[in-house]
Amino acid sequence: MADLSTTYMGIKLKNPLILGASNLVSKPDVIKQIEEAGIGAIVYRSLFEEQVQLESLQLDEELSEYEERNAEMTDIFPGLKHAGPKEHLYNLEKLVKNVDVPVFASLNAIYEPTWVEYAKELEKTGVAGLEINLYAVPGYFEVTGESIEEKQVQIVKAVKKAVKIPVSVKMSLFYTNPLNFIKKVDEAGADGYVLFNRFFQPEIDIEKEEYFYPWELSNPKDHMVGLRYAGLLHGNVEGSVCISRGIYDANDVIKMLLAGADVIQMVSAIYRNSPTVVSDILMDINKWMDDKGYKTLDDFRGKLSRKNMKDPFAYQRAQYVDILTKSEEIFKKYPMV
């Protein structure tokens, strides 16, 4: 049987499959099934700064309720209805202790002090590493892309300085040149890159004439953008490359490894197919490697990256033009009536 072990941000994993940040971690029985199925690592659901602010506001409000109480009151301590980050940290530490695979924390913050403070708190739970989510939702015309990137690079530097555990950056695709930004973050000391974040986009209900946010899983072809960047990044950055979104079967995983990814994250496939999909994928990767004669992942990782391919234009615009010139081929697949 082939050896599926790999290294992610300097951490040894038994295989390249990682459970991405999601609410699946809130179900102990599900996590047990996922671990038994063979998952290589787990990313705990994200801690959002809104939780931090909510706890702070609620605590202030509940403490103020007792300012006018008298000495005869039997209980002067406020009862927190929502424990916010304290509950998050408690449950994260509990998960770290209850599973036998590396657990990574995930953080979504806004202000630099919060990034630093909660990165330190998350590190105390015993996690193997930290995943920070960088994104900027466009809302102001006067904000430049350069200023956004500069701020985010500073956040990476501040978090790296504050903790000793490895730090990965989960980022969006919405940069003028994602490769340039990843290089900046790489030089800032990031240990890994999760490509790419998936955002919940607003939808409109035309009957109620109002916005709503639908809960949707990723689509099987969502991995194709990540595939391109895995091929472009392999051998050109110091940090590990992790591909997220649209990973549904062994074929998807193998493609990412051939392009140059170190690991992949999956969530939607487990929601759709149950935790057993993890063991199915691992078994199919093993079979493919045995059939090909590969003993380890490094035997073929990056084989089809830009750095290792004989065709230097495989990841360039020339291929896009070539596809368009052969557009008549689509009528063979989808004949028009």
Protein backbone atom coordinates (compact mmCIF):
# COMPACT_ATOMS: atom_id res chain seq x y z
CA MET A 1 0.00 0.00 0.00
CA ALA A 2 1.24 3.48 -0.87
CA ASP A 3 2.41 5.97 1.74
CA LEU A 4 -0.04 8.90 1.80
CA SER A 5 1.73 10.88 4.52
CA THR A 6 2.60 14.49 3.82
CA THR A 7 3.78 17.67 5.52
CA TYR A 8 1.70 20.81 5.91
CA MET A 9 3.35 23.92 7.34
CA GLY A 10 6.02 21.69 8.84
CA ILE A 11 3.44 19.43 10.51
CA LYS A 12 3.37 15.74 9.62
CA LEU A 13 -0.05 14.47 8.48
CA LYS A 14 -0.94 10.86 7.77
CA ASN A 15 -2.60 11.92 4.51
CA PRO A 16 -3.43 15.15 2.61
CA LEU A 17 -7.16 15.27 3.47
CA ILE A 18 -8.13 18.04 5.89
CA LEU A 19 -11.62 18.81 7.17
CA GLY A 20 -12.07 22.52 6.42
CA ALA A 21 -13.57 25.03 8.86
CA SER A 22 -17.28 24.28 9.28
CA ASN A 23 -20.03 23.57 11.79
CA LEU A 24 -19.35 19.85 11.46
CA VAL A 25 -17.04 20.21 14.47
CA SER A 26 -20.08 20.95 16.65
CA LYS A 27 -21.23 17.33 16.24
CA PRO A 28 -19.00 15.02 18.35
CA ASP A 29 -20.46 11.88 16.78
CA VAL A 30 -19.80 13.22 13.28
CA ILE A 31 -16.23 14.19 14.16
CA LYS A 32 -15.67 10.69 15.52
CA GLN A 33 -16.89 9.21 12.24
CA ILE A 34 -14.71 11.58 10.20
CA GLU A 35 -11.66 10.69 12.29
CA GLU A 36 -12.39 6.96 11.99
CA ALA A 37 -12.75 7.39 8.23
CA GLY A 38 -9.13 8.54 8.19
CA ILE A 39 -9.09 12.34 7.95
CA GLY A 40 -5.54 13.75 8.17
CA ALA A 41 -6.34 16.93 10.12
CA ILE A 42 -9.22 19.16 11.22
CA VAL A 43 -9.75 22.91 11.01
CA TYR A 44 -12.07 24.11 13.76
CA ARG A 45 -14.83 26.51 12.76
CA SER A 46 -13.84 30.18 12.58
CA LEU A 47 -13.84 32.57 15.48
CA PHE A 48 -15.31 35.84 14.18
CA GLU A 49 -14.57 39.24 15.63
CA GLU A 50 -18.32 39.86 15.75
CA GLN A 51 -18.42 37.17 18.46
CA VAL A 52 -15.75 39.05 20.37
CA GLN A 53 -17.64 42.34 20.14
CA LEU A 54 -20.95 40.69 21.03
CA GLU A 55 -19.52 39.17 24.19
CA SER A 56 -17.96 42.48 25.22
CA LEU A 57 -21.19 44.42 24.62
CA GLN A 58 -23.38 41.86 26.31
CA LEU A 59 -21.12 41.65 29.35
CA ASP A 60 -21.16 45.44 29.73
CA GLU A 61 -24.95 45.50 29.48
CA GLU A 62 -25.49 42.68 31.95
CA LEU A 63 -23.05 44.11 34.45
CA SER A 64 -24.80 47.48 34.31
CA GLU A 65 -28.11 45.78 35.14
CA TYR A 66 -26.79 45.18 38.65
CA GLU A 67 -25.53 48.69 39.40
CA GLU A 68 -28.71 49.59 41.30
CA ARG A 69 -29.06 46.32 43.23
CA ASN A 70 -28.89 46.42 47.02
CA ALA A 71 -26.88 44.37 49.52
CA GLU A 72 -29.79 42.07 50.25
CA MET A 73 -29.71 40.58 46.77
CA THR A 74 -28.87 36.88 46.90
CA ASP A 75 -26.99 36.77 43.57
CA ILE A 76 -25.14 39.71 42.05
CA PHE A 77 -23.39 37.84 39.22
CA PRO A 78 -24.73 38.28 35.69
CA GLY A 79 -25.61 35.18 33.73
CA LEU A 80 -24.04 35.19 30.26
CA LYS A 81 -26.59 33.99 27.73
CA HIS A 82 -23.94 33.77 25.02
CA ALA A 83 -20.42 32.84 26.01
CA GLY A 84 -18.94 34.02 22.69
CA PRO A 85 -15.21 33.45 22.29
CA LYS A 86 -14.83 31.88 25.73
CA GLU A 87 -17.14 29.07 24.71
CA HIS A 88 -15.36 28.82 21.36
CA LEU A 89 -11.96 28.49 23.02
CA TYR A 90 -13.28 25.93 25.51
CA ASN A 91 -14.79 23.72 22.79
CA LEU A 92 -11.70 24.04 20.62
CA GLU A 93 -9.43 22.92 23.45
CA LYS A 94 -11.79 20.03 24.13
CA LEU A 95 -11.58 18.90 20.50
CA VAL A 96 -7.78 19.09 20.51
CA LYS A 97 -7.72 16.73 23.48
CA ASN A 98 -10.33 14.33 22.10
CA VAL A 99 -8.92 13.59 18.64
CA ASP A 100 -5.67 11.99 17.51
CA VAL A 101 -5.08 14.18 14.45
CA PRO A 102 -3.72 17.75 14.29
CA VAL A 103 -6.32 20.47 14.84
CA PHE A 104 -6.01 23.94 13.38
CA ALA A 105 -7.80 27.05 14.60
CA SER A 106 -9.44 29.54 12.23
CA LEU A 107 -9.74 33.26 12.86
CA ASN A 108 -11.77 36.00 11.15
CA ALA A 109 -11.00 39.40 12.63
CA ILE A 110 -11.12 43.04 11.54
CA TYR A 111 -8.78 45.12 13.65
CA GLU A 112 -5.11 44.33 14.20
CA PRO A 113 -5.36 44.27 18.05
CA THR A 114 -8.11 41.64 17.79
CA TRP A 115 -6.11 39.56 15.35
CA VAL A 116 -3.16 39.53 17.74
CA GLU A 117 -5.11 39.06 20.99
CA TYR A 118 -7.21 36.16 19.75
CA ALA A 119 -4.38 34.53 17.85
CA LYS A 120 -2.62 34.26 21.21
CA GLU A 121 -5.75 32.89 22.91
CA LEU A 122 -6.28 30.31 20.18
CA GLU A 123 -2.66 29.19 20.46
CA LYS A 124 -3.20 28.45 24.16
CA THR A 125 -5.75 25.76 23.31
CA GLY A 126 -2.98 23.51 22.02
CA VAL A 127 -3.80 23.73 18.31
CA ALA A 128 -1.14 22.68 15.82
CA GLY A 129 -1.53 25.81 13.75
CA LEU A 130 -3.67 28.83 12.94
CA GLU A 131 -5.59 29.72 9.79
CA ILE A 132 -6.33 33.42 9.36
CA ASN A 133 -8.98 34.53 6.88
CA LEU A 134 -8.08 37.62 4.88
CA TYR A 135 -10.71 39.36 2.79
CA ALA A 136 -12.14 42.80 2.18
CA VAL A 137 -15.73 43.28 1.07
CA PRO A 138 -15.92 46.26 -1.33
CA GLY A 139 -18.00 49.01 0.25
CA TYR A 140 -16.21 52.29 -0.32
CA PHE A 141 -15.15 53.78 -3.65
CA GLU A 142 -12.16 55.62 -2.22
CA VAL A 143 -10.39 52.58 -0.75
CA THR A 144 -7.57 51.40 -3.01
CA GLY A 145 -6.49 47.84 -3.61
CA GLU A 146 -2.95 48.74 -2.60
CA SER A 147 -4.06 50.01 0.82
CA ILE A 148 -6.06 46.82 1.43
CA GLU A 149 -3.10 44.61 0.57
CA GLU A 150 -0.72 46.64 2.74
CA LYS A 151 -3.06 46.33 5.71
CA GLN A 152 -3.42 42.58 5.23
CA VAL A 153 0.32 42.03 4.95
CA GLN A 154 0.77 43.92 8.21
CA ILE A 155 -1.82 41.65 9.85
CA VAL A 156 0.15 38.58 8.76
CA LYS A 157 3.35 40.05 10.18
CA ALA A 158 1.65 40.97 13.47
CA VAL A 159 0.08 37.53 13.93
CA LYS A 160 3.30 35.72 13.04
CA LYS A 161 5.17 37.82 15.59
CA ALA A 162 2.54 37.11 18.28
CA VAL A 163 2.44 33.28 18.08
CA LYS A 164 4.88 30.41 17.81
CA ILE A 165 2.62 28.01 15.91
CA PRO A 166 2.57 28.01 12.08
CA VAL A 167 0.12 30.38 10.40
CA SER A 168 -1.69 29.85 7.10
CA VAL A 169 -3.58 32.48 5.15
CA LYS A 170 -6.97 31.63 3.69
CA MET A 171 -7.55 34.21 1.02
CA SER A 172 -9.99 35.18 -1.69
CA LEU A 173 -9.36 35.28 -5.40
CA PHE A 174 -10.32 38.96 -5.58
CA TYR A 175 -6.90 40.51 -6.04
CA THR A 176 -5.65 42.12 -9.24
CA ASN A 177 -2.75 39.66 -9.13
CA PRO A 178 -3.22 36.92 -6.52
CA LEU A 179 0.28 35.58 -7.27
CA ASN A 180 1.83 38.92 -6.37
CA PHE A 181 -0.14 39.13 -3.13
CA ILE A 182 0.70 35.56 -2.15
CA LYS A 183 4.37 36.36 -2.73
CA LYS A 184 4.09 39.38 -0.42
CA VAL A 185 2.43 37.26 2.26
CA ASP A 186 5.04 34.57 1.75
CA GLU A 187 7.80 37.13 2.33
CA ALA A 188 5.89 38.33 5.42
CA GLY A 189 6.39 34.89 6.95
CA ALA A 190 3.17 32.99 6.28
CA ASP A 191 3.59 29.21 6.50
CA GLY A 192 0.79 28.22 4.14
CA TYR A 193 -1.94 29.36 1.75
CA VAL A 194 -5.52 28.06 1.57
CA LEU A 195 -6.95 28.73 -1.89
CA PHE A 196 -9.61 30.02 -1.98
CA ASN A 197 -12.12 31.33 0.53
CA ARG A 198 -15.78 30.88 -0.37
CA PHE A 199 -18.11 33.75 0.45
CA PHE A 200 -21.85 33.75 0.95
CA GLN A 201 -23.23 36.14 -1.65
CA PRO A 202 -26.50 38.02 -1.15
CA GLU A 203 -29.52 36.85 -3.13
CA ILE A 204 -32.85 38.60 -3.72
CA ASP A 205 -36.26 37.11 -3.04
CA ILE A 206 -38.39 38.70 -5.76
CA GLU A 207 -41.67 37.88 -3.97
CA LYS A 208 -40.68 39.42 -0.62
CA GLU A 209 -38.47 41.98 -2.40
CA GLU A 210 -35.70 41.61 0.14
CA TYR A 211 -32.18 40.29 0.46
CA PHE A 212 -31.37 36.91 1.93
CA TYR A 213 -28.26 34.74 2.19
CA PRO A 214 -28.83 31.21 0.89
CA TRP A 215 -26.86 28.32 2.37
CA GLU A 216 -25.19 26.59 -0.55
CA LEU A 217 -22.48 23.95 -0.78
CA SER A 218 -19.59 24.22 -3.21
CA ASN A 219 -19.92 22.78 -6.70
CA PRO A 220 -17.75 19.94 -8.05
CA LYS A 221 -15.98 22.20 -10.56
CA ASP A 222 -15.16 24.94 -8.05
CA HIS A 223 -11.69 23.42 -7.64
CA MET A 224 -10.57 24.38 -11.14
CA VAL A 225 -9.29 27.85 -10.18
CA GLY A 226 -7.36 26.37 -7.28
CA LEU A 227 -5.87 23.81 -9.66
CA ARG A 228 -4.36 26.58 -11.78
CA TYR A 229 -2.83 28.35 -8.80
CA ALA A 230 -1.46 25.14 -7.33
CA GLY A 231 0.39 24.65 -10.61
CA LEU A 232 1.67 28.22 -10.64
CA LEU A 233 2.77 28.29 -7.00
CA HIS A 234 4.51 24.94 -6.70
CA GLY A 235 8.21 25.44 -6.17
CA ASN A 236 7.90 29.23 -6.15
CA VAL A 237 6.88 29.97 -2.55
CA GLU A 238 8.18 28.86 0.82
CA GLY A 239 4.76 28.18 2.35
CA SER A 240 2.59 25.09 1.88
CA VAL A 241 -0.22 25.13 -0.68
CA CYS A 242 -3.67 23.94 0.35
CA ILE A 243 -6.57 23.85 -2.12
CA SER A 244 -10.10 24.35 -0.85
CA ARG A 245 -13.54 24.33 -2.54
CA GLY A 246 -15.05 21.75 -4.84
CA ILE A 247 -13.05 18.71 -3.71
CA TYR A 248 -15.43 15.77 -4.03
CA ASP A 249 -13.52 12.62 -4.92
CA ALA A 250 -10.09 11.02 -5.30
CA ASN A 251 -9.73 12.32 -8.84
CA ASP A 252 -9.99 15.89 -7.55
CA VAL A 253 -7.36 15.26 -4.89
CA ILE A 254 -4.97 13.57 -7.32
CA LYS A 255 -5.31 16.46 -9.77
CA MET A 256 -4.38 18.95 -7.04
CA LEU A 257 -1.34 16.91 -6.03
CA LEU A 258 -0.19 16.58 -9.63
CA ALA A 259 -0.48 20.35 -9.99
CA GLY A 260 1.62 20.85 -6.86
CA ALA A 261 -0.69 21.17 -3.83
CA ASP A 262 0.55 19.86 -0.48
CA VAL A 263 -2.91 19.20 0.98
CA ILE A 264 -6.59 19.81 0.28
CA GLN A 265 -9.55 20.84 2.42
CA MET A 266 -12.99 19.37 2.05
CA VAL A 267 -16.36 20.14 3.64
CA SER A 268 -19.20 19.98 1.10
CA ALA A 269 -18.38 16.41 0.06
CA ILE A 270 -18.87 15.27 3.65
CA TYR A 271 -22.16 17.15 3.98
CA ARG A 272 -23.40 15.57 0.75
CA ASN A 273 -22.04 12.05 1.13
CA SER A 274 -21.44 11.44 4.86
CA PRO A 275 -18.05 10.97 6.59
CA THR A 276 -17.43 7.68 4.79
CA VAL A 277 -16.49 9.66 1.69
CA VAL A 278 -13.11 10.27 3.37
CA SER A 279 -12.24 6.56 3.50
CA ASP A 280 -13.51 6.09 -0.06
CA ILE A 281 -11.22 8.86 -1.33
CA LEU A 282 -8.20 7.49 0.53
CA MET A 283 -8.82 4.00 -0.82
CA ASP A 284 -9.13 5.30 -4.39
CA ILE A 285 -5.93 7.37 -4.09
CA ASN A 286 -4.11 4.28 -2.86
CA LYS A 287 -5.39 2.24 -5.80
CA TRP A 288 -4.39 4.93 -8.32
CA MET A 289 -0.90 5.18 -6.84
CA ASP A 290 -0.47 1.39 -6.82
CA ASP A 291 -1.59 1.20 -10.45
CA LYS A 292 0.87 3.94 -11.39
CA GLY A 293 3.71 2.52 -9.33
CA TYR A 294 3.97 5.54 -7.02
CA LYS A 295 5.13 4.79 -3.48
CA THR A 296 4.76 8.28 -1.95
CA LEU A 297 2.95 11.51 -2.76
CA ASP A 298 6.27 13.21 -3.48
CA ASP A 299 6.77 10.78 -6.35
CA PHE A 300 4.21 12.71 -8.38
CA ARG A 301 3.46 15.94 -6.49
CA GLY A 302 4.00 18.91 -8.79
CA LYS A 303 4.62 16.71 -11.83
CA LEU A 304 2.23 18.91 -13.81
CA SER A 305 3.17 22.23 -12.22
CA ARG A 306 4.41 25.04 -14.43
CA LYS A 307 7.87 24.60 -12.96
CA ASN A 308 8.11 20.97 -14.04
CA MET A 309 6.14 20.88 -17.28
CA LYS A 310 7.89 20.89 -20.64
CA ASP A 311 5.17 23.14 -22.08
CA PRO A 312 5.86 26.57 -20.53
CA PHE A 313 2.54 27.94 -21.79
CA ALA A 314 0.26 25.39 -20.13
CA TYR A 315 -0.86 27.89 -17.50
CA GLN A 316 -0.70 30.98 -19.71
CA ARG A 317 -3.11 33.02 -21.84
CA ALA A 318 -1.97 31.17 -24.98
CA GLN A 319 -3.90 28.10 -23.83
CA TYR A 320 -7.03 30.20 -23.34
CA VAL A 321 -6.76 31.46 -26.91
CA ASP A 322 -6.18 27.92 -28.16
CA ILE A 323 -9.39 26.76 -26.47
CA LEU A 324 -11.39 29.56 -28.07
CA THR A 325 -10.08 28.76 -31.54
CA LYS A 326 -11.40 25.23 -31.09
CA SER A 327 -14.80 26.33 -29.84
CA GLU A 328 -16.55 24.35 -32.59
CA GLU A 329 -15.72 21.24 -30.54
CA ILE A 330 -18.45 22.17 -28.07
CA PHE A 331 -21.13 21.45 -30.68
CA LYS A 332 -19.97 17.83 -30.80
CA LYS A 333 -20.60 17.53 -27.07
CA TYR A 334 -23.76 19.64 -27.04
CA PRO A 335 -25.38 19.37 -30.49
CA MET A 336 -27.95 22.07 -31.18
CA VAL A 337 -31.42 21.02 -32.23
